[in-house]
Amino acid sequence: MRRLYSLYIHQLPKWPNFIWDDKAVLALLSMVRHKQGRLKGYMEALGFALRNETTLKTLTLDVLKSTEIEGEILNPDQVRSSLARKLGMDVAGLVPSDRNVDGVVEMMLDATQHFNKPLNRERLFGWHSALFPAGRSGMHKITVGNWRDNEKGPMQVVSGAMGKERVHYEAPDAELLEKEMKHFFKWFNADQGTDPVLKSAIAHLWFVTIHPFDDG
């Protein structure tokens, strides 16, 4: 298996001290803030019923798209119904929802409704367990509600036919995960004065780079 790069981002001496071009980022952040302001204005102009329906539709799409990334295709009506029940919304056309749908919905609501709560390993483990209630990702059995281990070898992004595989990326060794995630949690839960949109981008890149779970 051929490794394409001799050094990955998490192996750099200054990892994880992220740097960026303030001038370039500021223009993008200004555009995002402008669109957020317009969206907030539209929402405030809606009546209570329409605002609830819009919120329900947005959360439903969030759940569906998030699970699609992991190869899980959920029933939209079940997702909508589960969200409505958990949010106490009186809407028509509700249907029963499966346990795995309810689990994903609970995870999404915890993340979006309680965003000010500290992020820690137990909270992440709960989300992960909700995403994979059967302990499988597709046909494959995975470690759920815990960090990945080295049992299946390193976490790699690989392409190419058998015998001609190319390793595009290799995540930190499983033995380093506790240390890496403690550093991540400390940064995430602290107030650095960073714009929330920029902070979310950094958090996304940082978390995906560590890739602490088998899947998800």
N, C-alpha and C. Protein backbone atom coordinates (compact mmCIF):
# COMPACT_ATOMS: atom_id res chain seq x y z
N MET A 1 0.85 -1.19 0.00
CA MET A 1 0.00 0.00 0.00
C MET A 1 0.89 1.24 0.00
N ARG A 2 0.74 2.07 -1.02
CA ARG A 2 1.63 3.22 -1.18
C ARG A 2 1.08 4.44 -0.44
N ARG A 3 1.94 5.04 0.36
CA ARG A 3 1.57 6.23 1.11
C ARG A 3 1.94 7.46 0.28
N LEU A 4 0.95 8.34 0.04
CA LEU A 4 1.16 9.48 -0.85
C LEU A 4 1.92 10.63 -0.18
N TYR A 5 1.81 10.72 1.14
CA TYR A 5 2.44 11.84 1.84
C TYR A 5 3.33 11.32 2.96
N SER A 6 4.46 11.97 3.15
CA SER A 6 5.39 11.54 4.19
C SER A 6 5.00 12.06 5.56
N LEU A 7 4.18 13.13 5.58
CA LEU A 7 3.80 13.75 6.84
C LEU A 7 2.36 14.24 6.75
N TYR A 8 1.58 13.92 7.77
CA TYR A 8 0.19 14.37 7.81
C TYR A 8 0.07 15.56 8.75
N ILE A 9 -1.04 16.28 8.63
CA ILE A 9 -1.21 17.53 9.37
C ILE A 9 -1.02 17.35 10.88
N HIS A 10 -1.51 16.23 11.42
CA HIS A 10 -1.42 16.02 12.87
C HIS A 10 0.00 15.64 13.32
N GLN A 11 0.89 15.45 12.35
CA GLN A 11 2.28 15.13 12.68
C GLN A 11 3.19 16.36 12.59
N LEU A 12 2.62 17.49 12.20
CA LEU A 12 3.40 18.72 12.11
C LEU A 12 3.79 19.21 13.50
N PRO A 13 4.95 19.84 13.64
CA PRO A 13 5.42 20.28 14.96
C PRO A 13 4.45 21.22 15.68
N LYS A 14 3.74 22.06 14.93
CA LYS A 14 2.86 23.05 15.57
C LYS A 14 1.40 22.59 15.67
N TRP A 15 1.14 21.35 15.32
CA TRP A 15 -0.22 20.83 15.46
C TRP A 15 -0.66 20.88 16.91
N PRO A 16 -1.89 21.33 17.21
CA PRO A 16 -2.94 21.79 16.31
C PRO A 16 -3.12 23.32 16.35
N ASN A 17 -2.05 24.05 16.21
CA ASN A 17 -2.15 25.52 16.20
C ASN A 17 -2.53 25.99 14.80
N PHE A 18 -3.82 26.14 14.58
CA PHE A 18 -4.32 26.53 13.26
C PHE A 18 -4.07 28.01 13.00
N ILE A 19 -3.70 28.32 11.78
CA ILE A 19 -3.54 29.71 11.36
C ILE A 19 -4.35 29.93 10.09
N TRP A 20 -4.73 31.18 9.84
CA TRP A 20 -5.52 31.49 8.66
C TRP A 20 -5.28 32.93 8.25
N ASP A 21 -5.69 33.25 7.05
CA ASP A 21 -5.55 34.60 6.50
C ASP A 21 -6.77 35.41 6.91
N ASP A 22 -6.60 36.29 7.89
CA ASP A 22 -7.72 37.08 8.41
C ASP A 22 -8.42 37.87 7.31
N LYS A 23 -7.64 38.42 6.41
CA LYS A 23 -8.23 39.26 5.35
C LYS A 23 -9.15 38.44 4.46
N ALA A 24 -8.71 37.25 4.08
CA ALA A 24 -9.52 36.40 3.21
C ALA A 24 -10.75 35.87 3.95
N VAL A 25 -10.55 35.49 5.21
CA VAL A 25 -11.65 34.92 5.99
C VAL A 25 -12.70 35.97 6.33
N LEU A 26 -12.25 37.19 6.61
CA LEU A 26 -13.18 38.25 7.01
C LEU A 26 -14.24 38.51 5.94
N ALA A 27 -13.83 38.48 4.68
CA ALA A 27 -14.79 38.72 3.59
C ALA A 27 -15.86 37.63 3.57
N LEU A 28 -15.44 36.40 3.76
CA LEU A 28 -16.39 35.28 3.77
C LEU A 28 -17.31 35.35 4.99
N LEU A 29 -16.73 35.68 6.14
CA LEU A 29 -17.54 35.77 7.35
C LEU A 29 -18.58 36.89 7.24
N SER A 30 -18.19 37.99 6.62
CA SER A 30 -19.13 39.10 6.43
C SER A 30 -20.31 38.67 5.58
N MET A 31 -20.04 37.90 4.54
CA MET A 31 -21.10 37.41 3.67
C MET A 31 -22.02 36.46 4.43
N VAL A 32 -21.43 35.57 5.23
CA VAL A 32 -22.23 34.63 6.02
C VAL A 32 -23.10 35.38 7.01
N ARG A 33 -22.52 36.35 7.71
CA ARG A 33 -23.28 37.11 8.70
C ARG A 33 -24.43 37.88 8.05
N HIS A 34 -24.18 38.40 6.86
CA HIS A 34 -25.24 39.13 6.14
C HIS A 34 -26.41 38.19 5.83
N LYS A 35 -26.09 37.00 5.35
CA LYS A 35 -27.14 36.03 5.02
C LYS A 35 -27.86 35.54 6.27
N GLN A 36 -27.11 35.38 7.36
CA GLN A 36 -27.73 34.97 8.62
C GLN A 36 -28.72 36.04 9.10
N GLY A 37 -28.32 37.29 8.97
CA GLY A 37 -29.19 38.39 9.38
C GLY A 37 -30.47 38.43 8.57
N ARG A 38 -30.35 38.23 7.27
CA ARG A 38 -31.54 38.23 6.41
C ARG A 38 -32.45 37.06 6.77
N LEU A 39 -31.85 35.90 7.00
CA LEU A 39 -32.64 34.72 7.35
C LEU A 39 -33.37 34.93 8.67
N LYS A 40 -32.67 35.51 9.63
CA LYS A 40 -33.30 35.78 10.93
C LYS A 40 -34.47 36.75 10.77
N GLY A 41 -34.28 37.73 9.91
CA GLY A 41 -35.35 38.69 9.66
C GLY A 41 -36.58 38.02 9.05
N TYR A 42 -36.34 37.13 8.09
CA TYR A 42 -37.44 36.40 7.47
C TYR A 42 -38.19 35.56 8.51
N MET A 43 -37.41 34.88 9.37
CA MET A 43 -38.03 34.02 10.37
C MET A 43 -38.88 34.82 11.35
N GLU A 44 -38.37 35.98 11.76
CA GLU A 44 -39.11 36.80 12.72
C GLU A 44 -40.39 37.37 12.11
N ALA A 45 -40.41 37.50 10.79
CA ALA A 45 -41.59 38.05 10.12
C ALA A 45 -42.69 37.00 9.95
N LEU A 46 -42.34 35.73 10.12
CA LEU A 46 -43.32 34.67 9.97
C LEU A 46 -44.21 34.58 11.21
N GLY A 47 -45.40 34.09 11.02
CA GLY A 47 -46.27 33.83 12.16
C GLY A 47 -45.78 32.63 12.93
N PHE A 48 -46.34 32.41 14.11
CA PHE A 48 -45.89 31.34 15.00
C PHE A 48 -45.97 29.97 14.32
N ALA A 49 -47.09 29.70 13.67
CA ALA A 49 -47.29 28.39 13.04
C ALA A 49 -46.30 28.17 11.90
N LEU A 50 -46.12 29.18 11.06
CA LEU A 50 -45.18 29.06 9.94
C LEU A 50 -43.75 28.94 10.43
N ARG A 51 -43.43 29.65 11.51
CA ARG A 51 -42.08 29.58 12.06
C ARG A 51 -41.79 28.17 12.58
N ASN A 52 -42.77 27.58 13.25
CA ASN A 52 -42.60 26.21 13.75
C ASN A 52 -42.44 25.23 12.60
N GLU A 53 -43.24 25.40 11.56
CA GLU A 53 -43.17 24.49 10.41
C GLU A 53 -41.82 24.63 9.71
N THR A 54 -41.31 25.85 9.61
CA THR A 54 -40.01 26.08 8.98
C THR A 54 -38.89 25.46 9.81
N THR A 55 -38.98 25.63 11.13
CA THR A 55 -37.98 25.02 12.02
C THR A 55 -38.00 23.51 11.90
N LEU A 56 -39.20 22.94 11.86
CA LEU A 56 -39.34 21.49 11.74
C LEU A 56 -38.76 20.99 10.42
N LYS A 57 -39.03 21.72 9.36
CA LYS A 57 -38.52 21.32 8.04
C LYS A 57 -36.99 21.39 8.01
N THR A 58 -36.43 22.45 8.61
CA THR A 58 -34.98 22.62 8.62
C THR A 58 -34.30 21.51 9.42
N LEU A 59 -34.84 21.22 10.60
CA LEU A 59 -34.25 20.17 11.44
C LEU A 59 -34.39 18.80 10.77
N THR A 60 -35.50 18.58 10.10
CA THR A 60 -35.69 17.31 9.39
C THR A 60 -34.61 17.13 8.32
N LEU A 61 -34.37 18.18 7.56
CA LEU A 61 -33.33 18.10 6.53
C LEU A 61 -31.95 17.92 7.14
N ASP A 62 -31.70 18.58 8.27
CA ASP A 62 -30.41 18.42 8.96
C ASP A 62 -30.17 16.96 9.33
N VAL A 63 -31.18 16.34 9.90
CA VAL A 63 -31.06 14.93 10.31
C VAL A 63 -30.85 14.04 9.09
N LEU A 64 -31.66 14.24 8.06
CA LEU A 64 -31.57 13.38 6.87
C LEU A 64 -30.22 13.50 6.18
N LYS A 65 -29.73 14.73 6.02
CA LYS A 65 -28.46 14.93 5.33
C LYS A 65 -27.28 14.45 6.17
N SER A 66 -27.37 14.63 7.49
CA SER A 66 -26.28 14.17 8.36
C SER A 66 -26.13 12.66 8.32
N THR A 67 -27.24 11.95 8.31
CA THR A 67 -27.17 10.49 8.28
C THR A 67 -26.82 9.96 6.90
N GLU A 68 -27.19 10.70 5.86
CA GLU A 68 -26.83 10.28 4.50
C GLU A 68 -25.32 10.22 4.33
N ILE A 69 -24.61 11.13 5.00
CA ILE A 69 -23.15 11.15 4.94
C ILE A 69 -22.59 9.81 5.41
N GLU A 70 -23.26 9.22 6.40
CA GLU A 70 -22.81 7.94 6.96
C GLU A 70 -23.43 6.74 6.24
N GLY A 71 -24.11 7.01 5.13
CA GLY A 71 -24.70 5.92 4.36
C GLY A 71 -26.03 5.42 4.89
N GLU A 72 -26.63 6.16 5.83
CA GLU A 72 -27.92 5.78 6.40
C GLU A 72 -29.03 6.63 5.76
N ILE A 73 -29.99 5.97 5.15
CA ILE A 73 -31.12 6.66 4.54
C ILE A 73 -32.34 6.48 5.44
N LEU A 74 -32.74 7.55 6.12
CA LEU A 74 -33.87 7.48 7.04
C LEU A 74 -35.16 7.89 6.34
N ASN A 75 -36.26 7.44 6.90
CA ASN A 75 -37.58 7.79 6.38
C ASN A 75 -37.90 9.23 6.79
N PRO A 76 -38.10 10.13 5.81
CA PRO A 76 -38.35 11.55 6.14
C PRO A 76 -39.58 11.76 7.02
N ASP A 77 -40.64 11.00 6.79
CA ASP A 77 -41.86 11.16 7.59
C ASP A 77 -41.61 10.75 9.05
N GLN A 78 -40.82 9.70 9.24
CA GLN A 78 -40.50 9.27 10.60
C GLN A 78 -39.64 10.31 11.31
N VAL A 79 -38.68 10.87 10.59
CA VAL A 79 -37.81 11.90 11.18
C VAL A 79 -38.64 13.11 11.57
N ARG A 80 -39.49 13.56 10.66
CA ARG A 80 -40.34 14.72 10.94
C ARG A 80 -41.24 14.46 12.14
N SER A 81 -41.81 13.28 12.20
CA SER A 81 -42.73 12.94 13.29
C SER A 81 -42.00 12.86 14.62
N SER A 82 -40.82 12.24 14.62
CA SER A 82 -40.04 12.13 15.85
C SER A 82 -39.65 13.51 16.37
N LEU A 83 -39.22 14.37 15.46
CA LEU A 83 -38.86 15.74 15.85
C LEU A 83 -40.05 16.48 16.44
N ALA A 84 -41.18 16.38 15.77
CA ALA A 84 -42.38 17.09 16.23
C ALA A 84 -42.79 16.64 17.63
N ARG A 85 -42.74 15.34 17.86
CA ARG A 85 -43.12 14.83 19.19
C ARG A 85 -42.16 15.31 20.26
N LYS A 86 -40.86 15.26 19.97
CA LYS A 86 -39.87 15.64 20.99
C LYS A 86 -39.85 17.15 21.23
N LEU A 87 -40.28 17.91 20.24
CA LEU A 87 -40.34 19.37 20.39
C LEU A 87 -41.71 19.84 20.88
N GLY A 88 -42.64 18.89 21.04
CA GLY A 88 -43.97 19.24 21.52
C GLY A 88 -44.78 20.04 20.52
N MET A 89 -44.53 19.81 19.23
CA MET A 89 -45.25 20.54 18.19
C MET A 89 -46.54 19.80 17.82
N ASP A 90 -47.60 20.55 17.71
CA ASP A 90 -48.89 19.98 17.33
C ASP A 90 -49.05 20.10 15.82
N VAL A 91 -48.60 19.06 15.11
CA VAL A 91 -48.67 19.08 13.64
C VAL A 91 -49.41 17.84 13.16
N ALA A 92 -49.98 17.95 11.99
CA ALA A 92 -50.78 16.85 11.43
C ALA A 92 -49.89 15.85 10.71
N GLY A 93 -50.42 14.64 10.54
CA GLY A 93 -49.75 13.64 9.72
C GLY A 93 -48.59 12.93 10.38
N LEU A 94 -48.57 12.85 11.71
CA LEU A 94 -47.46 12.18 12.38
C LEU A 94 -47.58 10.66 12.22
N VAL A 95 -46.42 10.01 12.10
CA VAL A 95 -46.38 8.56 11.96
C VAL A 95 -45.46 7.99 13.04
N PRO A 96 -45.59 6.71 13.37
CA PRO A 96 -44.66 6.09 14.33
C PRO A 96 -43.23 6.14 13.80
N SER A 97 -42.27 6.23 14.70
CA SER A 97 -40.86 6.29 14.28
C SER A 97 -40.07 5.15 14.90
N ASP A 98 -39.10 4.65 14.15
CA ASP A 98 -38.25 3.56 14.62
C ASP A 98 -37.28 4.05 15.70
N ARG A 99 -36.75 3.10 16.44
CA ARG A 99 -35.83 3.44 17.54
C ARG A 99 -34.58 4.15 17.03
N ASN A 100 -34.06 3.69 15.88
CA ASN A 100 -32.84 4.33 15.38
C ASN A 100 -33.11 5.76 14.93
N VAL A 101 -34.32 6.02 14.42
CA VAL A 101 -34.68 7.39 14.03
C VAL A 101 -34.77 8.27 15.27
N ASP A 102 -35.42 7.77 16.32
CA ASP A 102 -35.54 8.55 17.56
C ASP A 102 -34.16 8.85 18.15
N GLY A 103 -33.25 7.89 18.04
CA GLY A 103 -31.90 8.09 18.58
C GLY A 103 -31.16 9.20 17.87
N VAL A 104 -31.23 9.20 16.54
CA VAL A 104 -30.56 10.24 15.76
C VAL A 104 -31.19 11.60 16.04
N VAL A 105 -32.51 11.63 16.15
CA VAL A 105 -33.21 12.88 16.43
C VAL A 105 -32.80 13.43 17.80
N GLU A 106 -32.72 12.56 18.79
CA GLU A 106 -32.29 12.99 20.13
C GLU A 106 -30.89 13.58 20.08
N MET A 107 -30.01 12.94 19.31
CA MET A 107 -28.65 13.45 19.18
C MET A 107 -28.64 14.84 18.54
N MET A 108 -29.40 15.00 17.46
CA MET A 108 -29.44 16.28 16.76
C MET A 108 -30.01 17.38 17.65
N LEU A 109 -31.06 17.06 18.39
CA LEU A 109 -31.67 18.06 19.27
C LEU A 109 -30.74 18.44 20.41
N ASP A 110 -30.03 17.45 20.93
CA ASP A 110 -29.08 17.76 22.01
C ASP A 110 -27.99 18.70 21.50
N ALA A 111 -27.51 18.43 20.29
CA ALA A 111 -26.44 19.26 19.72
C ALA A 111 -26.91 20.66 19.39
N THR A 112 -28.14 20.79 18.89
CA THR A 112 -28.61 22.10 18.43
C THR A 112 -29.33 22.90 19.51
N GLN A 113 -30.03 22.21 20.41
CA GLN A 113 -30.79 22.91 21.44
C GLN A 113 -29.96 23.18 22.69
N HIS A 114 -28.91 22.41 22.88
CA HIS A 114 -28.06 22.57 24.07
C HIS A 114 -26.61 22.84 23.66
N PHE A 115 -26.47 23.73 22.69
CA PHE A 115 -25.13 24.01 22.16
C PHE A 115 -24.21 24.69 23.17
N ASN A 116 -24.79 25.26 24.22
CA ASN A 116 -23.96 25.94 25.23
C ASN A 116 -23.42 24.98 26.30
N LYS A 117 -23.89 23.74 26.29
CA LYS A 117 -23.39 22.77 27.26
C LYS A 117 -21.97 22.35 26.89
N PRO A 118 -21.12 22.08 27.88
CA PRO A 118 -19.75 21.63 27.58
C PRO A 118 -19.75 20.35 26.76
N LEU A 119 -18.80 20.25 25.86
CA LEU A 119 -18.62 19.04 25.07
C LEU A 119 -17.60 18.16 25.77
N ASN A 120 -17.92 16.88 25.94
CA ASN A 120 -16.99 15.96 26.58
C ASN A 120 -17.14 14.57 25.97
N ARG A 121 -16.31 13.65 26.43
CA ARG A 121 -16.29 12.31 25.83
C ARG A 121 -17.63 11.59 26.02
N GLU A 122 -18.25 11.73 27.19
CA GLU A 122 -19.50 11.02 27.43
C GLU A 122 -20.62 11.53 26.53
N ARG A 123 -20.61 12.83 26.28
CA ARG A 123 -21.64 13.39 25.39
C ARG A 123 -21.42 12.89 23.96
N LEU A 124 -20.17 12.87 23.52
CA LEU A 124 -19.87 12.35 22.19
C LEU A 124 -20.20 10.87 22.08
N PHE A 125 -19.88 10.11 23.12
CA PHE A 125 -20.18 8.68 23.10
C PHE A 125 -21.70 8.45 22.99
N GLY A 126 -22.47 9.29 23.67
CA GLY A 126 -23.92 9.18 23.59
C GLY A 126 -24.42 9.46 22.19
N TRP A 127 -23.87 10.49 21.57
CA TRP A 127 -24.26 10.80 20.18
C TRP A 127 -23.90 9.65 19.25
N HIS A 128 -22.71 9.11 19.45
CA HIS A 128 -22.24 8.03 18.58
C HIS A 128 -23.13 6.79 18.73
N SER A 129 -23.49 6.48 19.96
CA SER A 129 -24.37 5.33 20.20
C SER A 129 -25.74 5.54 19.56
N ALA A 130 -26.20 6.79 19.56
CA ALA A 130 -27.49 7.10 18.94
C ALA A 130 -27.43 6.95 17.43
N LEU A 131 -26.28 7.27 16.85
CA LEU A 131 -26.11 7.15 15.40
C LEU A 131 -26.06 5.69 14.94
N PHE A 132 -25.49 4.83 15.78
CA PHE A 132 -25.31 3.42 15.40
C PHE A 132 -25.87 2.51 16.49
N PRO A 133 -27.20 2.50 16.69
CA PRO A 133 -27.79 1.72 17.78
C PRO A 133 -27.59 0.21 17.64
N ALA A 134 -27.37 -0.25 16.42
CA ALA A 134 -27.18 -1.69 16.20
C ALA A 134 -25.71 -2.09 16.27
N GLY A 135 -24.82 -1.11 16.46
CA GLY A 135 -23.40 -1.43 16.54
C GLY A 135 -22.77 -1.74 15.20
N ARG A 136 -23.44 -1.31 14.14
CA ARG A 136 -22.92 -1.58 12.80
C ARG A 136 -23.02 -0.35 11.92
N SER A 137 -22.07 -0.24 11.01
CA SER A 137 -22.12 0.77 9.96
C SER A 137 -22.29 0.01 8.65
N GLY A 138 -23.52 0.02 8.14
CA GLY A 138 -23.81 -0.83 6.99
C GLY A 138 -23.71 -2.29 7.40
N MET A 139 -22.86 -3.05 6.73
CA MET A 139 -22.68 -4.47 7.02
C MET A 139 -21.57 -4.72 8.03
N HIS A 140 -20.86 -3.66 8.40
CA HIS A 140 -19.65 -3.84 9.20
C HIS A 140 -19.88 -3.53 10.68
N LYS A 141 -19.42 -4.43 11.53
CA LYS A 141 -19.49 -4.22 12.98
C LYS A 141 -18.43 -3.20 13.38
N ILE A 142 -18.82 -2.23 14.18
CA ILE A 142 -17.88 -1.18 14.60
C ILE A 142 -17.93 -1.00 16.11
N THR A 143 -16.91 -0.36 16.63
CA THR A 143 -16.90 0.02 18.04
C THR A 143 -17.81 1.23 18.22
N VAL A 144 -18.80 1.10 19.09
CA VAL A 144 -19.79 2.17 19.27
C VAL A 144 -19.70 2.72 20.69
N GLY A 145 -19.81 4.03 20.82
CA GLY A 145 -19.79 4.65 22.14
C GLY A 145 -18.43 4.60 22.80
N ASN A 146 -17.39 4.55 21.99
CA ASN A 146 -16.03 4.55 22.52
C ASN A 146 -15.08 4.94 21.39
N TRP A 147 -13.86 5.33 21.77
CA TRP A 147 -12.88 5.66 20.73
C TRP A 147 -12.52 4.40 19.96
N ARG A 148 -12.10 4.58 18.73
CA ARG A 148 -11.63 3.44 17.94
C ARG A 148 -10.36 2.87 18.57
N ASP A 149 -10.04 1.63 18.21
CA ASP A 149 -8.81 1.01 18.70
C ASP A 149 -7.97 0.55 17.50
N ASN A 150 -6.88 -0.15 17.80
CA ASN A 150 -5.97 -0.58 16.74
C ASN A 150 -6.25 -2.00 16.24
N GLU A 151 -7.37 -2.56 16.67
CA GLU A 151 -7.66 -3.95 16.33
C GLU A 151 -7.71 -4.17 14.81
N LYS A 152 -8.25 -3.20 14.08
CA LYS A 152 -8.38 -3.33 12.63
C LYS A 152 -7.29 -2.58 11.89
N GLY A 153 -6.25 -2.19 12.60
CA GLY A 153 -5.18 -1.44 11.97
C GLY A 153 -5.44 0.05 12.03
N PRO A 154 -4.59 0.85 11.40
CA PRO A 154 -4.74 2.30 11.45
C PRO A 154 -5.97 2.78 10.69
N MET A 155 -6.48 3.94 11.10
CA MET A 155 -7.61 4.57 10.40
C MET A 155 -7.05 5.30 9.18
N GLN A 156 -7.39 4.81 8.00
CA GLN A 156 -6.82 5.35 6.77
C GLN A 156 -7.90 5.70 5.75
N VAL A 157 -7.58 6.66 4.89
CA VAL A 157 -8.38 6.95 3.71
C VAL A 157 -7.61 6.38 2.53
N VAL A 158 -8.20 5.37 1.89
CA VAL A 158 -7.48 4.60 0.86
C VAL A 158 -8.29 4.56 -0.43
N SER A 159 -7.59 4.60 -1.56
CA SER A 159 -8.24 4.42 -2.86
C SER A 159 -7.40 3.46 -3.69
N GLY A 160 -7.97 3.02 -4.81
CA GLY A 160 -7.21 2.15 -5.71
C GLY A 160 -7.65 0.71 -5.63
N ALA A 161 -7.36 -0.04 -6.68
CA ALA A 161 -7.72 -1.46 -6.75
C ALA A 161 -6.85 -2.27 -5.79
N MET A 162 -7.31 -3.47 -5.48
CA MET A 162 -6.57 -4.34 -4.57
C MET A 162 -5.16 -4.60 -5.11
N GLY A 163 -4.20 -4.38 -4.26
CA GLY A 163 -2.81 -4.54 -4.67
C GLY A 163 -2.18 -3.26 -5.17
N LYS A 164 -3.03 -2.26 -5.45
CA LYS A 164 -2.53 -0.96 -5.93
C LYS A 164 -3.11 0.17 -5.09
N GLU A 165 -3.37 -0.13 -3.82
CA GLU A 165 -3.98 0.85 -2.94
C GLU A 165 -3.05 2.03 -2.68
N ARG A 166 -3.66 3.19 -2.54
CA ARG A 166 -2.92 4.40 -2.20
C ARG A 166 -3.51 5.00 -0.93
N VAL A 167 -2.67 5.29 0.03
CA VAL A 167 -3.11 5.87 1.30
C VAL A 167 -3.07 7.39 1.18
N HIS A 168 -4.24 8.01 1.19
CA HIS A 168 -4.31 9.46 1.09
C HIS A 168 -4.14 10.13 2.45
N TYR A 169 -4.57 9.41 3.49
CA TYR A 169 -4.49 10.00 4.82
C TYR A 169 -4.51 8.89 5.87
N GLU A 170 -3.78 9.13 6.95
CA GLU A 170 -3.80 8.22 8.09
C GLU A 170 -3.98 9.03 9.37
N ALA A 171 -5.03 8.73 10.11
CA ALA A 171 -5.36 9.47 11.33
C ALA A 171 -4.39 9.13 12.46
N PRO A 172 -4.40 9.92 13.53
CA PRO A 172 -3.52 9.62 14.67
C PRO A 172 -3.76 8.21 15.21
N ASP A 173 -2.72 7.61 15.73
CA ASP A 173 -2.83 6.27 16.29
C ASP A 173 -3.86 6.26 17.42
N ALA A 174 -4.54 5.13 17.55
CA ALA A 174 -5.60 5.02 18.56
C ALA A 174 -5.08 5.29 19.98
N GLU A 175 -3.83 4.97 20.23
CA GLU A 175 -3.28 5.19 21.57
C GLU A 175 -3.15 6.68 21.90
N LEU A 176 -3.21 7.52 20.89
CA LEU A 176 -3.08 8.97 21.10
C LEU A 176 -4.43 9.67 21.24
N LEU A 177 -5.52 8.93 21.06
CA LEU A 177 -6.83 9.57 20.98
C LEU A 177 -7.24 10.27 22.27
N GLU A 178 -6.99 9.65 23.40
CA GLU A 178 -7.39 10.28 24.66
C GLU A 178 -6.71 11.63 24.82
N LYS A 179 -5.43 11.68 24.53
CA LYS A 179 -4.67 12.93 24.64
C LYS A 179 -5.16 13.95 23.61
N GLU A 180 -5.35 13.49 22.38
CA GLU A 180 -5.80 14.39 21.31
C GLU A 180 -7.18 14.98 21.62
N MET A 181 -8.08 14.14 22.10
CA MET A 181 -9.44 14.61 22.37
C MET A 181 -9.50 15.51 23.60
N LYS A 182 -8.67 15.27 24.59
CA LYS A 182 -8.63 16.16 25.76
C LYS A 182 -8.22 17.56 25.32
N HIS A 183 -7.25 17.62 24.42
CA HIS A 183 -6.81 18.91 23.89
C HIS A 183 -7.94 19.57 23.12
N PHE A 184 -8.63 18.77 22.31
CA PHE A 184 -9.75 19.30 21.52
C PHE A 184 -10.86 19.83 22.43
N PHE A 185 -11.24 19.06 23.44
CA PHE A 185 -12.32 19.48 24.35
C PHE A 185 -11.94 20.77 25.08
N LYS A 186 -10.70 20.86 25.53
CA LYS A 186 -10.25 22.05 26.25
C LYS A 186 -10.39 23.29 25.36
N TRP A 187 -9.98 23.16 24.11
CA TRP A 187 -10.09 24.28 23.17
C TRP A 187 -11.55 24.59 22.87
N PHE A 188 -12.33 23.57 22.60
CA PHE A 188 -13.73 23.76 22.19
C PHE A 188 -14.55 24.43 23.28
N ASN A 189 -14.32 24.04 24.52
CA ASN A 189 -15.12 24.55 25.63
C ASN A 189 -14.65 25.91 26.15
N ALA A 190 -13.51 26.37 25.67
CA ALA A 190 -12.98 27.67 26.10
C ALA A 190 -13.51 28.78 25.19
N ASP A 191 -13.54 29.97 25.71
CA ASP A 191 -13.97 31.14 24.94
C ASP A 191 -12.73 31.89 24.47
N GLN A 192 -12.36 31.67 23.20
CA GLN A 192 -11.17 32.34 22.66
C GLN A 192 -11.50 33.65 21.97
N GLY A 193 -12.79 33.99 21.92
CA GLY A 193 -13.18 35.20 21.21
C GLY A 193 -13.21 35.02 19.70
N THR A 194 -13.13 33.77 19.25
CA THR A 194 -13.16 33.47 17.82
C THR A 194 -14.60 33.52 17.31
N ASP A 195 -14.78 34.06 16.12
CA ASP A 195 -16.11 34.09 15.52
C ASP A 195 -16.68 32.67 15.51
N PRO A 196 -17.93 32.48 15.94
CA PRO A 196 -18.51 31.13 16.02
C PRO A 196 -18.50 30.36 14.70
N VAL A 197 -18.68 31.07 13.59
CA VAL A 197 -18.65 30.39 12.29
C VAL A 197 -17.25 29.86 12.01
N LEU A 198 -16.25 30.68 12.28
CA LEU A 198 -14.86 30.26 12.09
C LEU A 198 -14.50 29.14 13.06
N LYS A 199 -14.97 29.27 14.29
CA LYS A 199 -14.69 28.23 15.28
C LYS A 199 -15.29 26.89 14.86
N SER A 200 -16.48 26.92 14.29
CA SER A 200 -17.11 25.67 13.85
C SER A 200 -16.32 25.04 12.71
N ALA A 201 -15.75 25.87 11.84
CA ALA A 201 -14.94 25.35 10.73
C ALA A 201 -13.67 24.69 11.26
N ILE A 202 -13.03 25.35 12.23
CA ILE A 202 -11.81 24.78 12.82
C ILE A 202 -12.14 23.48 13.54
N ALA A 203 -13.24 23.49 14.29
CA ALA A 203 -13.65 22.29 15.03
C ALA A 203 -13.91 21.13 14.08
N HIS A 204 -14.54 21.43 12.96
CA HIS A 204 -14.84 20.38 11.98
C HIS A 204 -13.55 19.77 11.43
N LEU A 205 -12.63 20.62 11.00
CA LEU A 205 -11.37 20.13 10.45
C LEU A 205 -10.58 19.35 11.50
N TRP A 206 -10.53 19.89 12.71
CA TRP A 206 -9.77 19.27 13.80
C TRP A 206 -10.34 17.89 14.12
N PHE A 207 -11.66 17.83 14.27
CA PHE A 207 -12.31 16.57 14.65
C PHE A 207 -12.15 15.51 13.56
N VAL A 208 -12.35 15.91 12.31
CA VAL A 208 -12.22 14.96 11.20
C VAL A 208 -10.77 14.48 11.07
N THR A 209 -9.83 15.36 11.36
CA THR A 209 -8.42 14.98 11.30
C THR A 209 -8.10 13.91 12.35
N ILE A 210 -8.62 14.08 13.55
CA ILE A 210 -8.40 13.08 14.60
C ILE A 210 -9.17 11.80 14.28
N HIS A 211 -10.38 11.94 13.77
CA HIS A 211 -11.27 10.82 13.43
C HIS A 211 -11.28 9.80 14.57
N PRO A 212 -11.85 10.19 15.73
CA PRO A 212 -11.74 9.35 16.92
C PRO A 212 -12.60 8.09 16.93
N PHE A 213 -13.56 7.98 16.00
CA PHE A 213 -14.44 6.82 15.99
C PHE A 213 -14.17 5.92 14.78
N ASP A 214 -14.61 4.68 14.89
CA ASP A 214 -14.53 3.76 13.76
C ASP A 214 -15.27 4.32 12.56
N ASP A 215 -16.42 4.91 12.84
CA ASP A 215 -17.24 5.52 11.80
C ASP A 215 -18.11 6.57 12.48
N GLY A 216 -18.59 7.53 11.68
CA GLY A 216 -19.47 8.54 12.25
C GLY A 216 -18.74 9.80 12.67
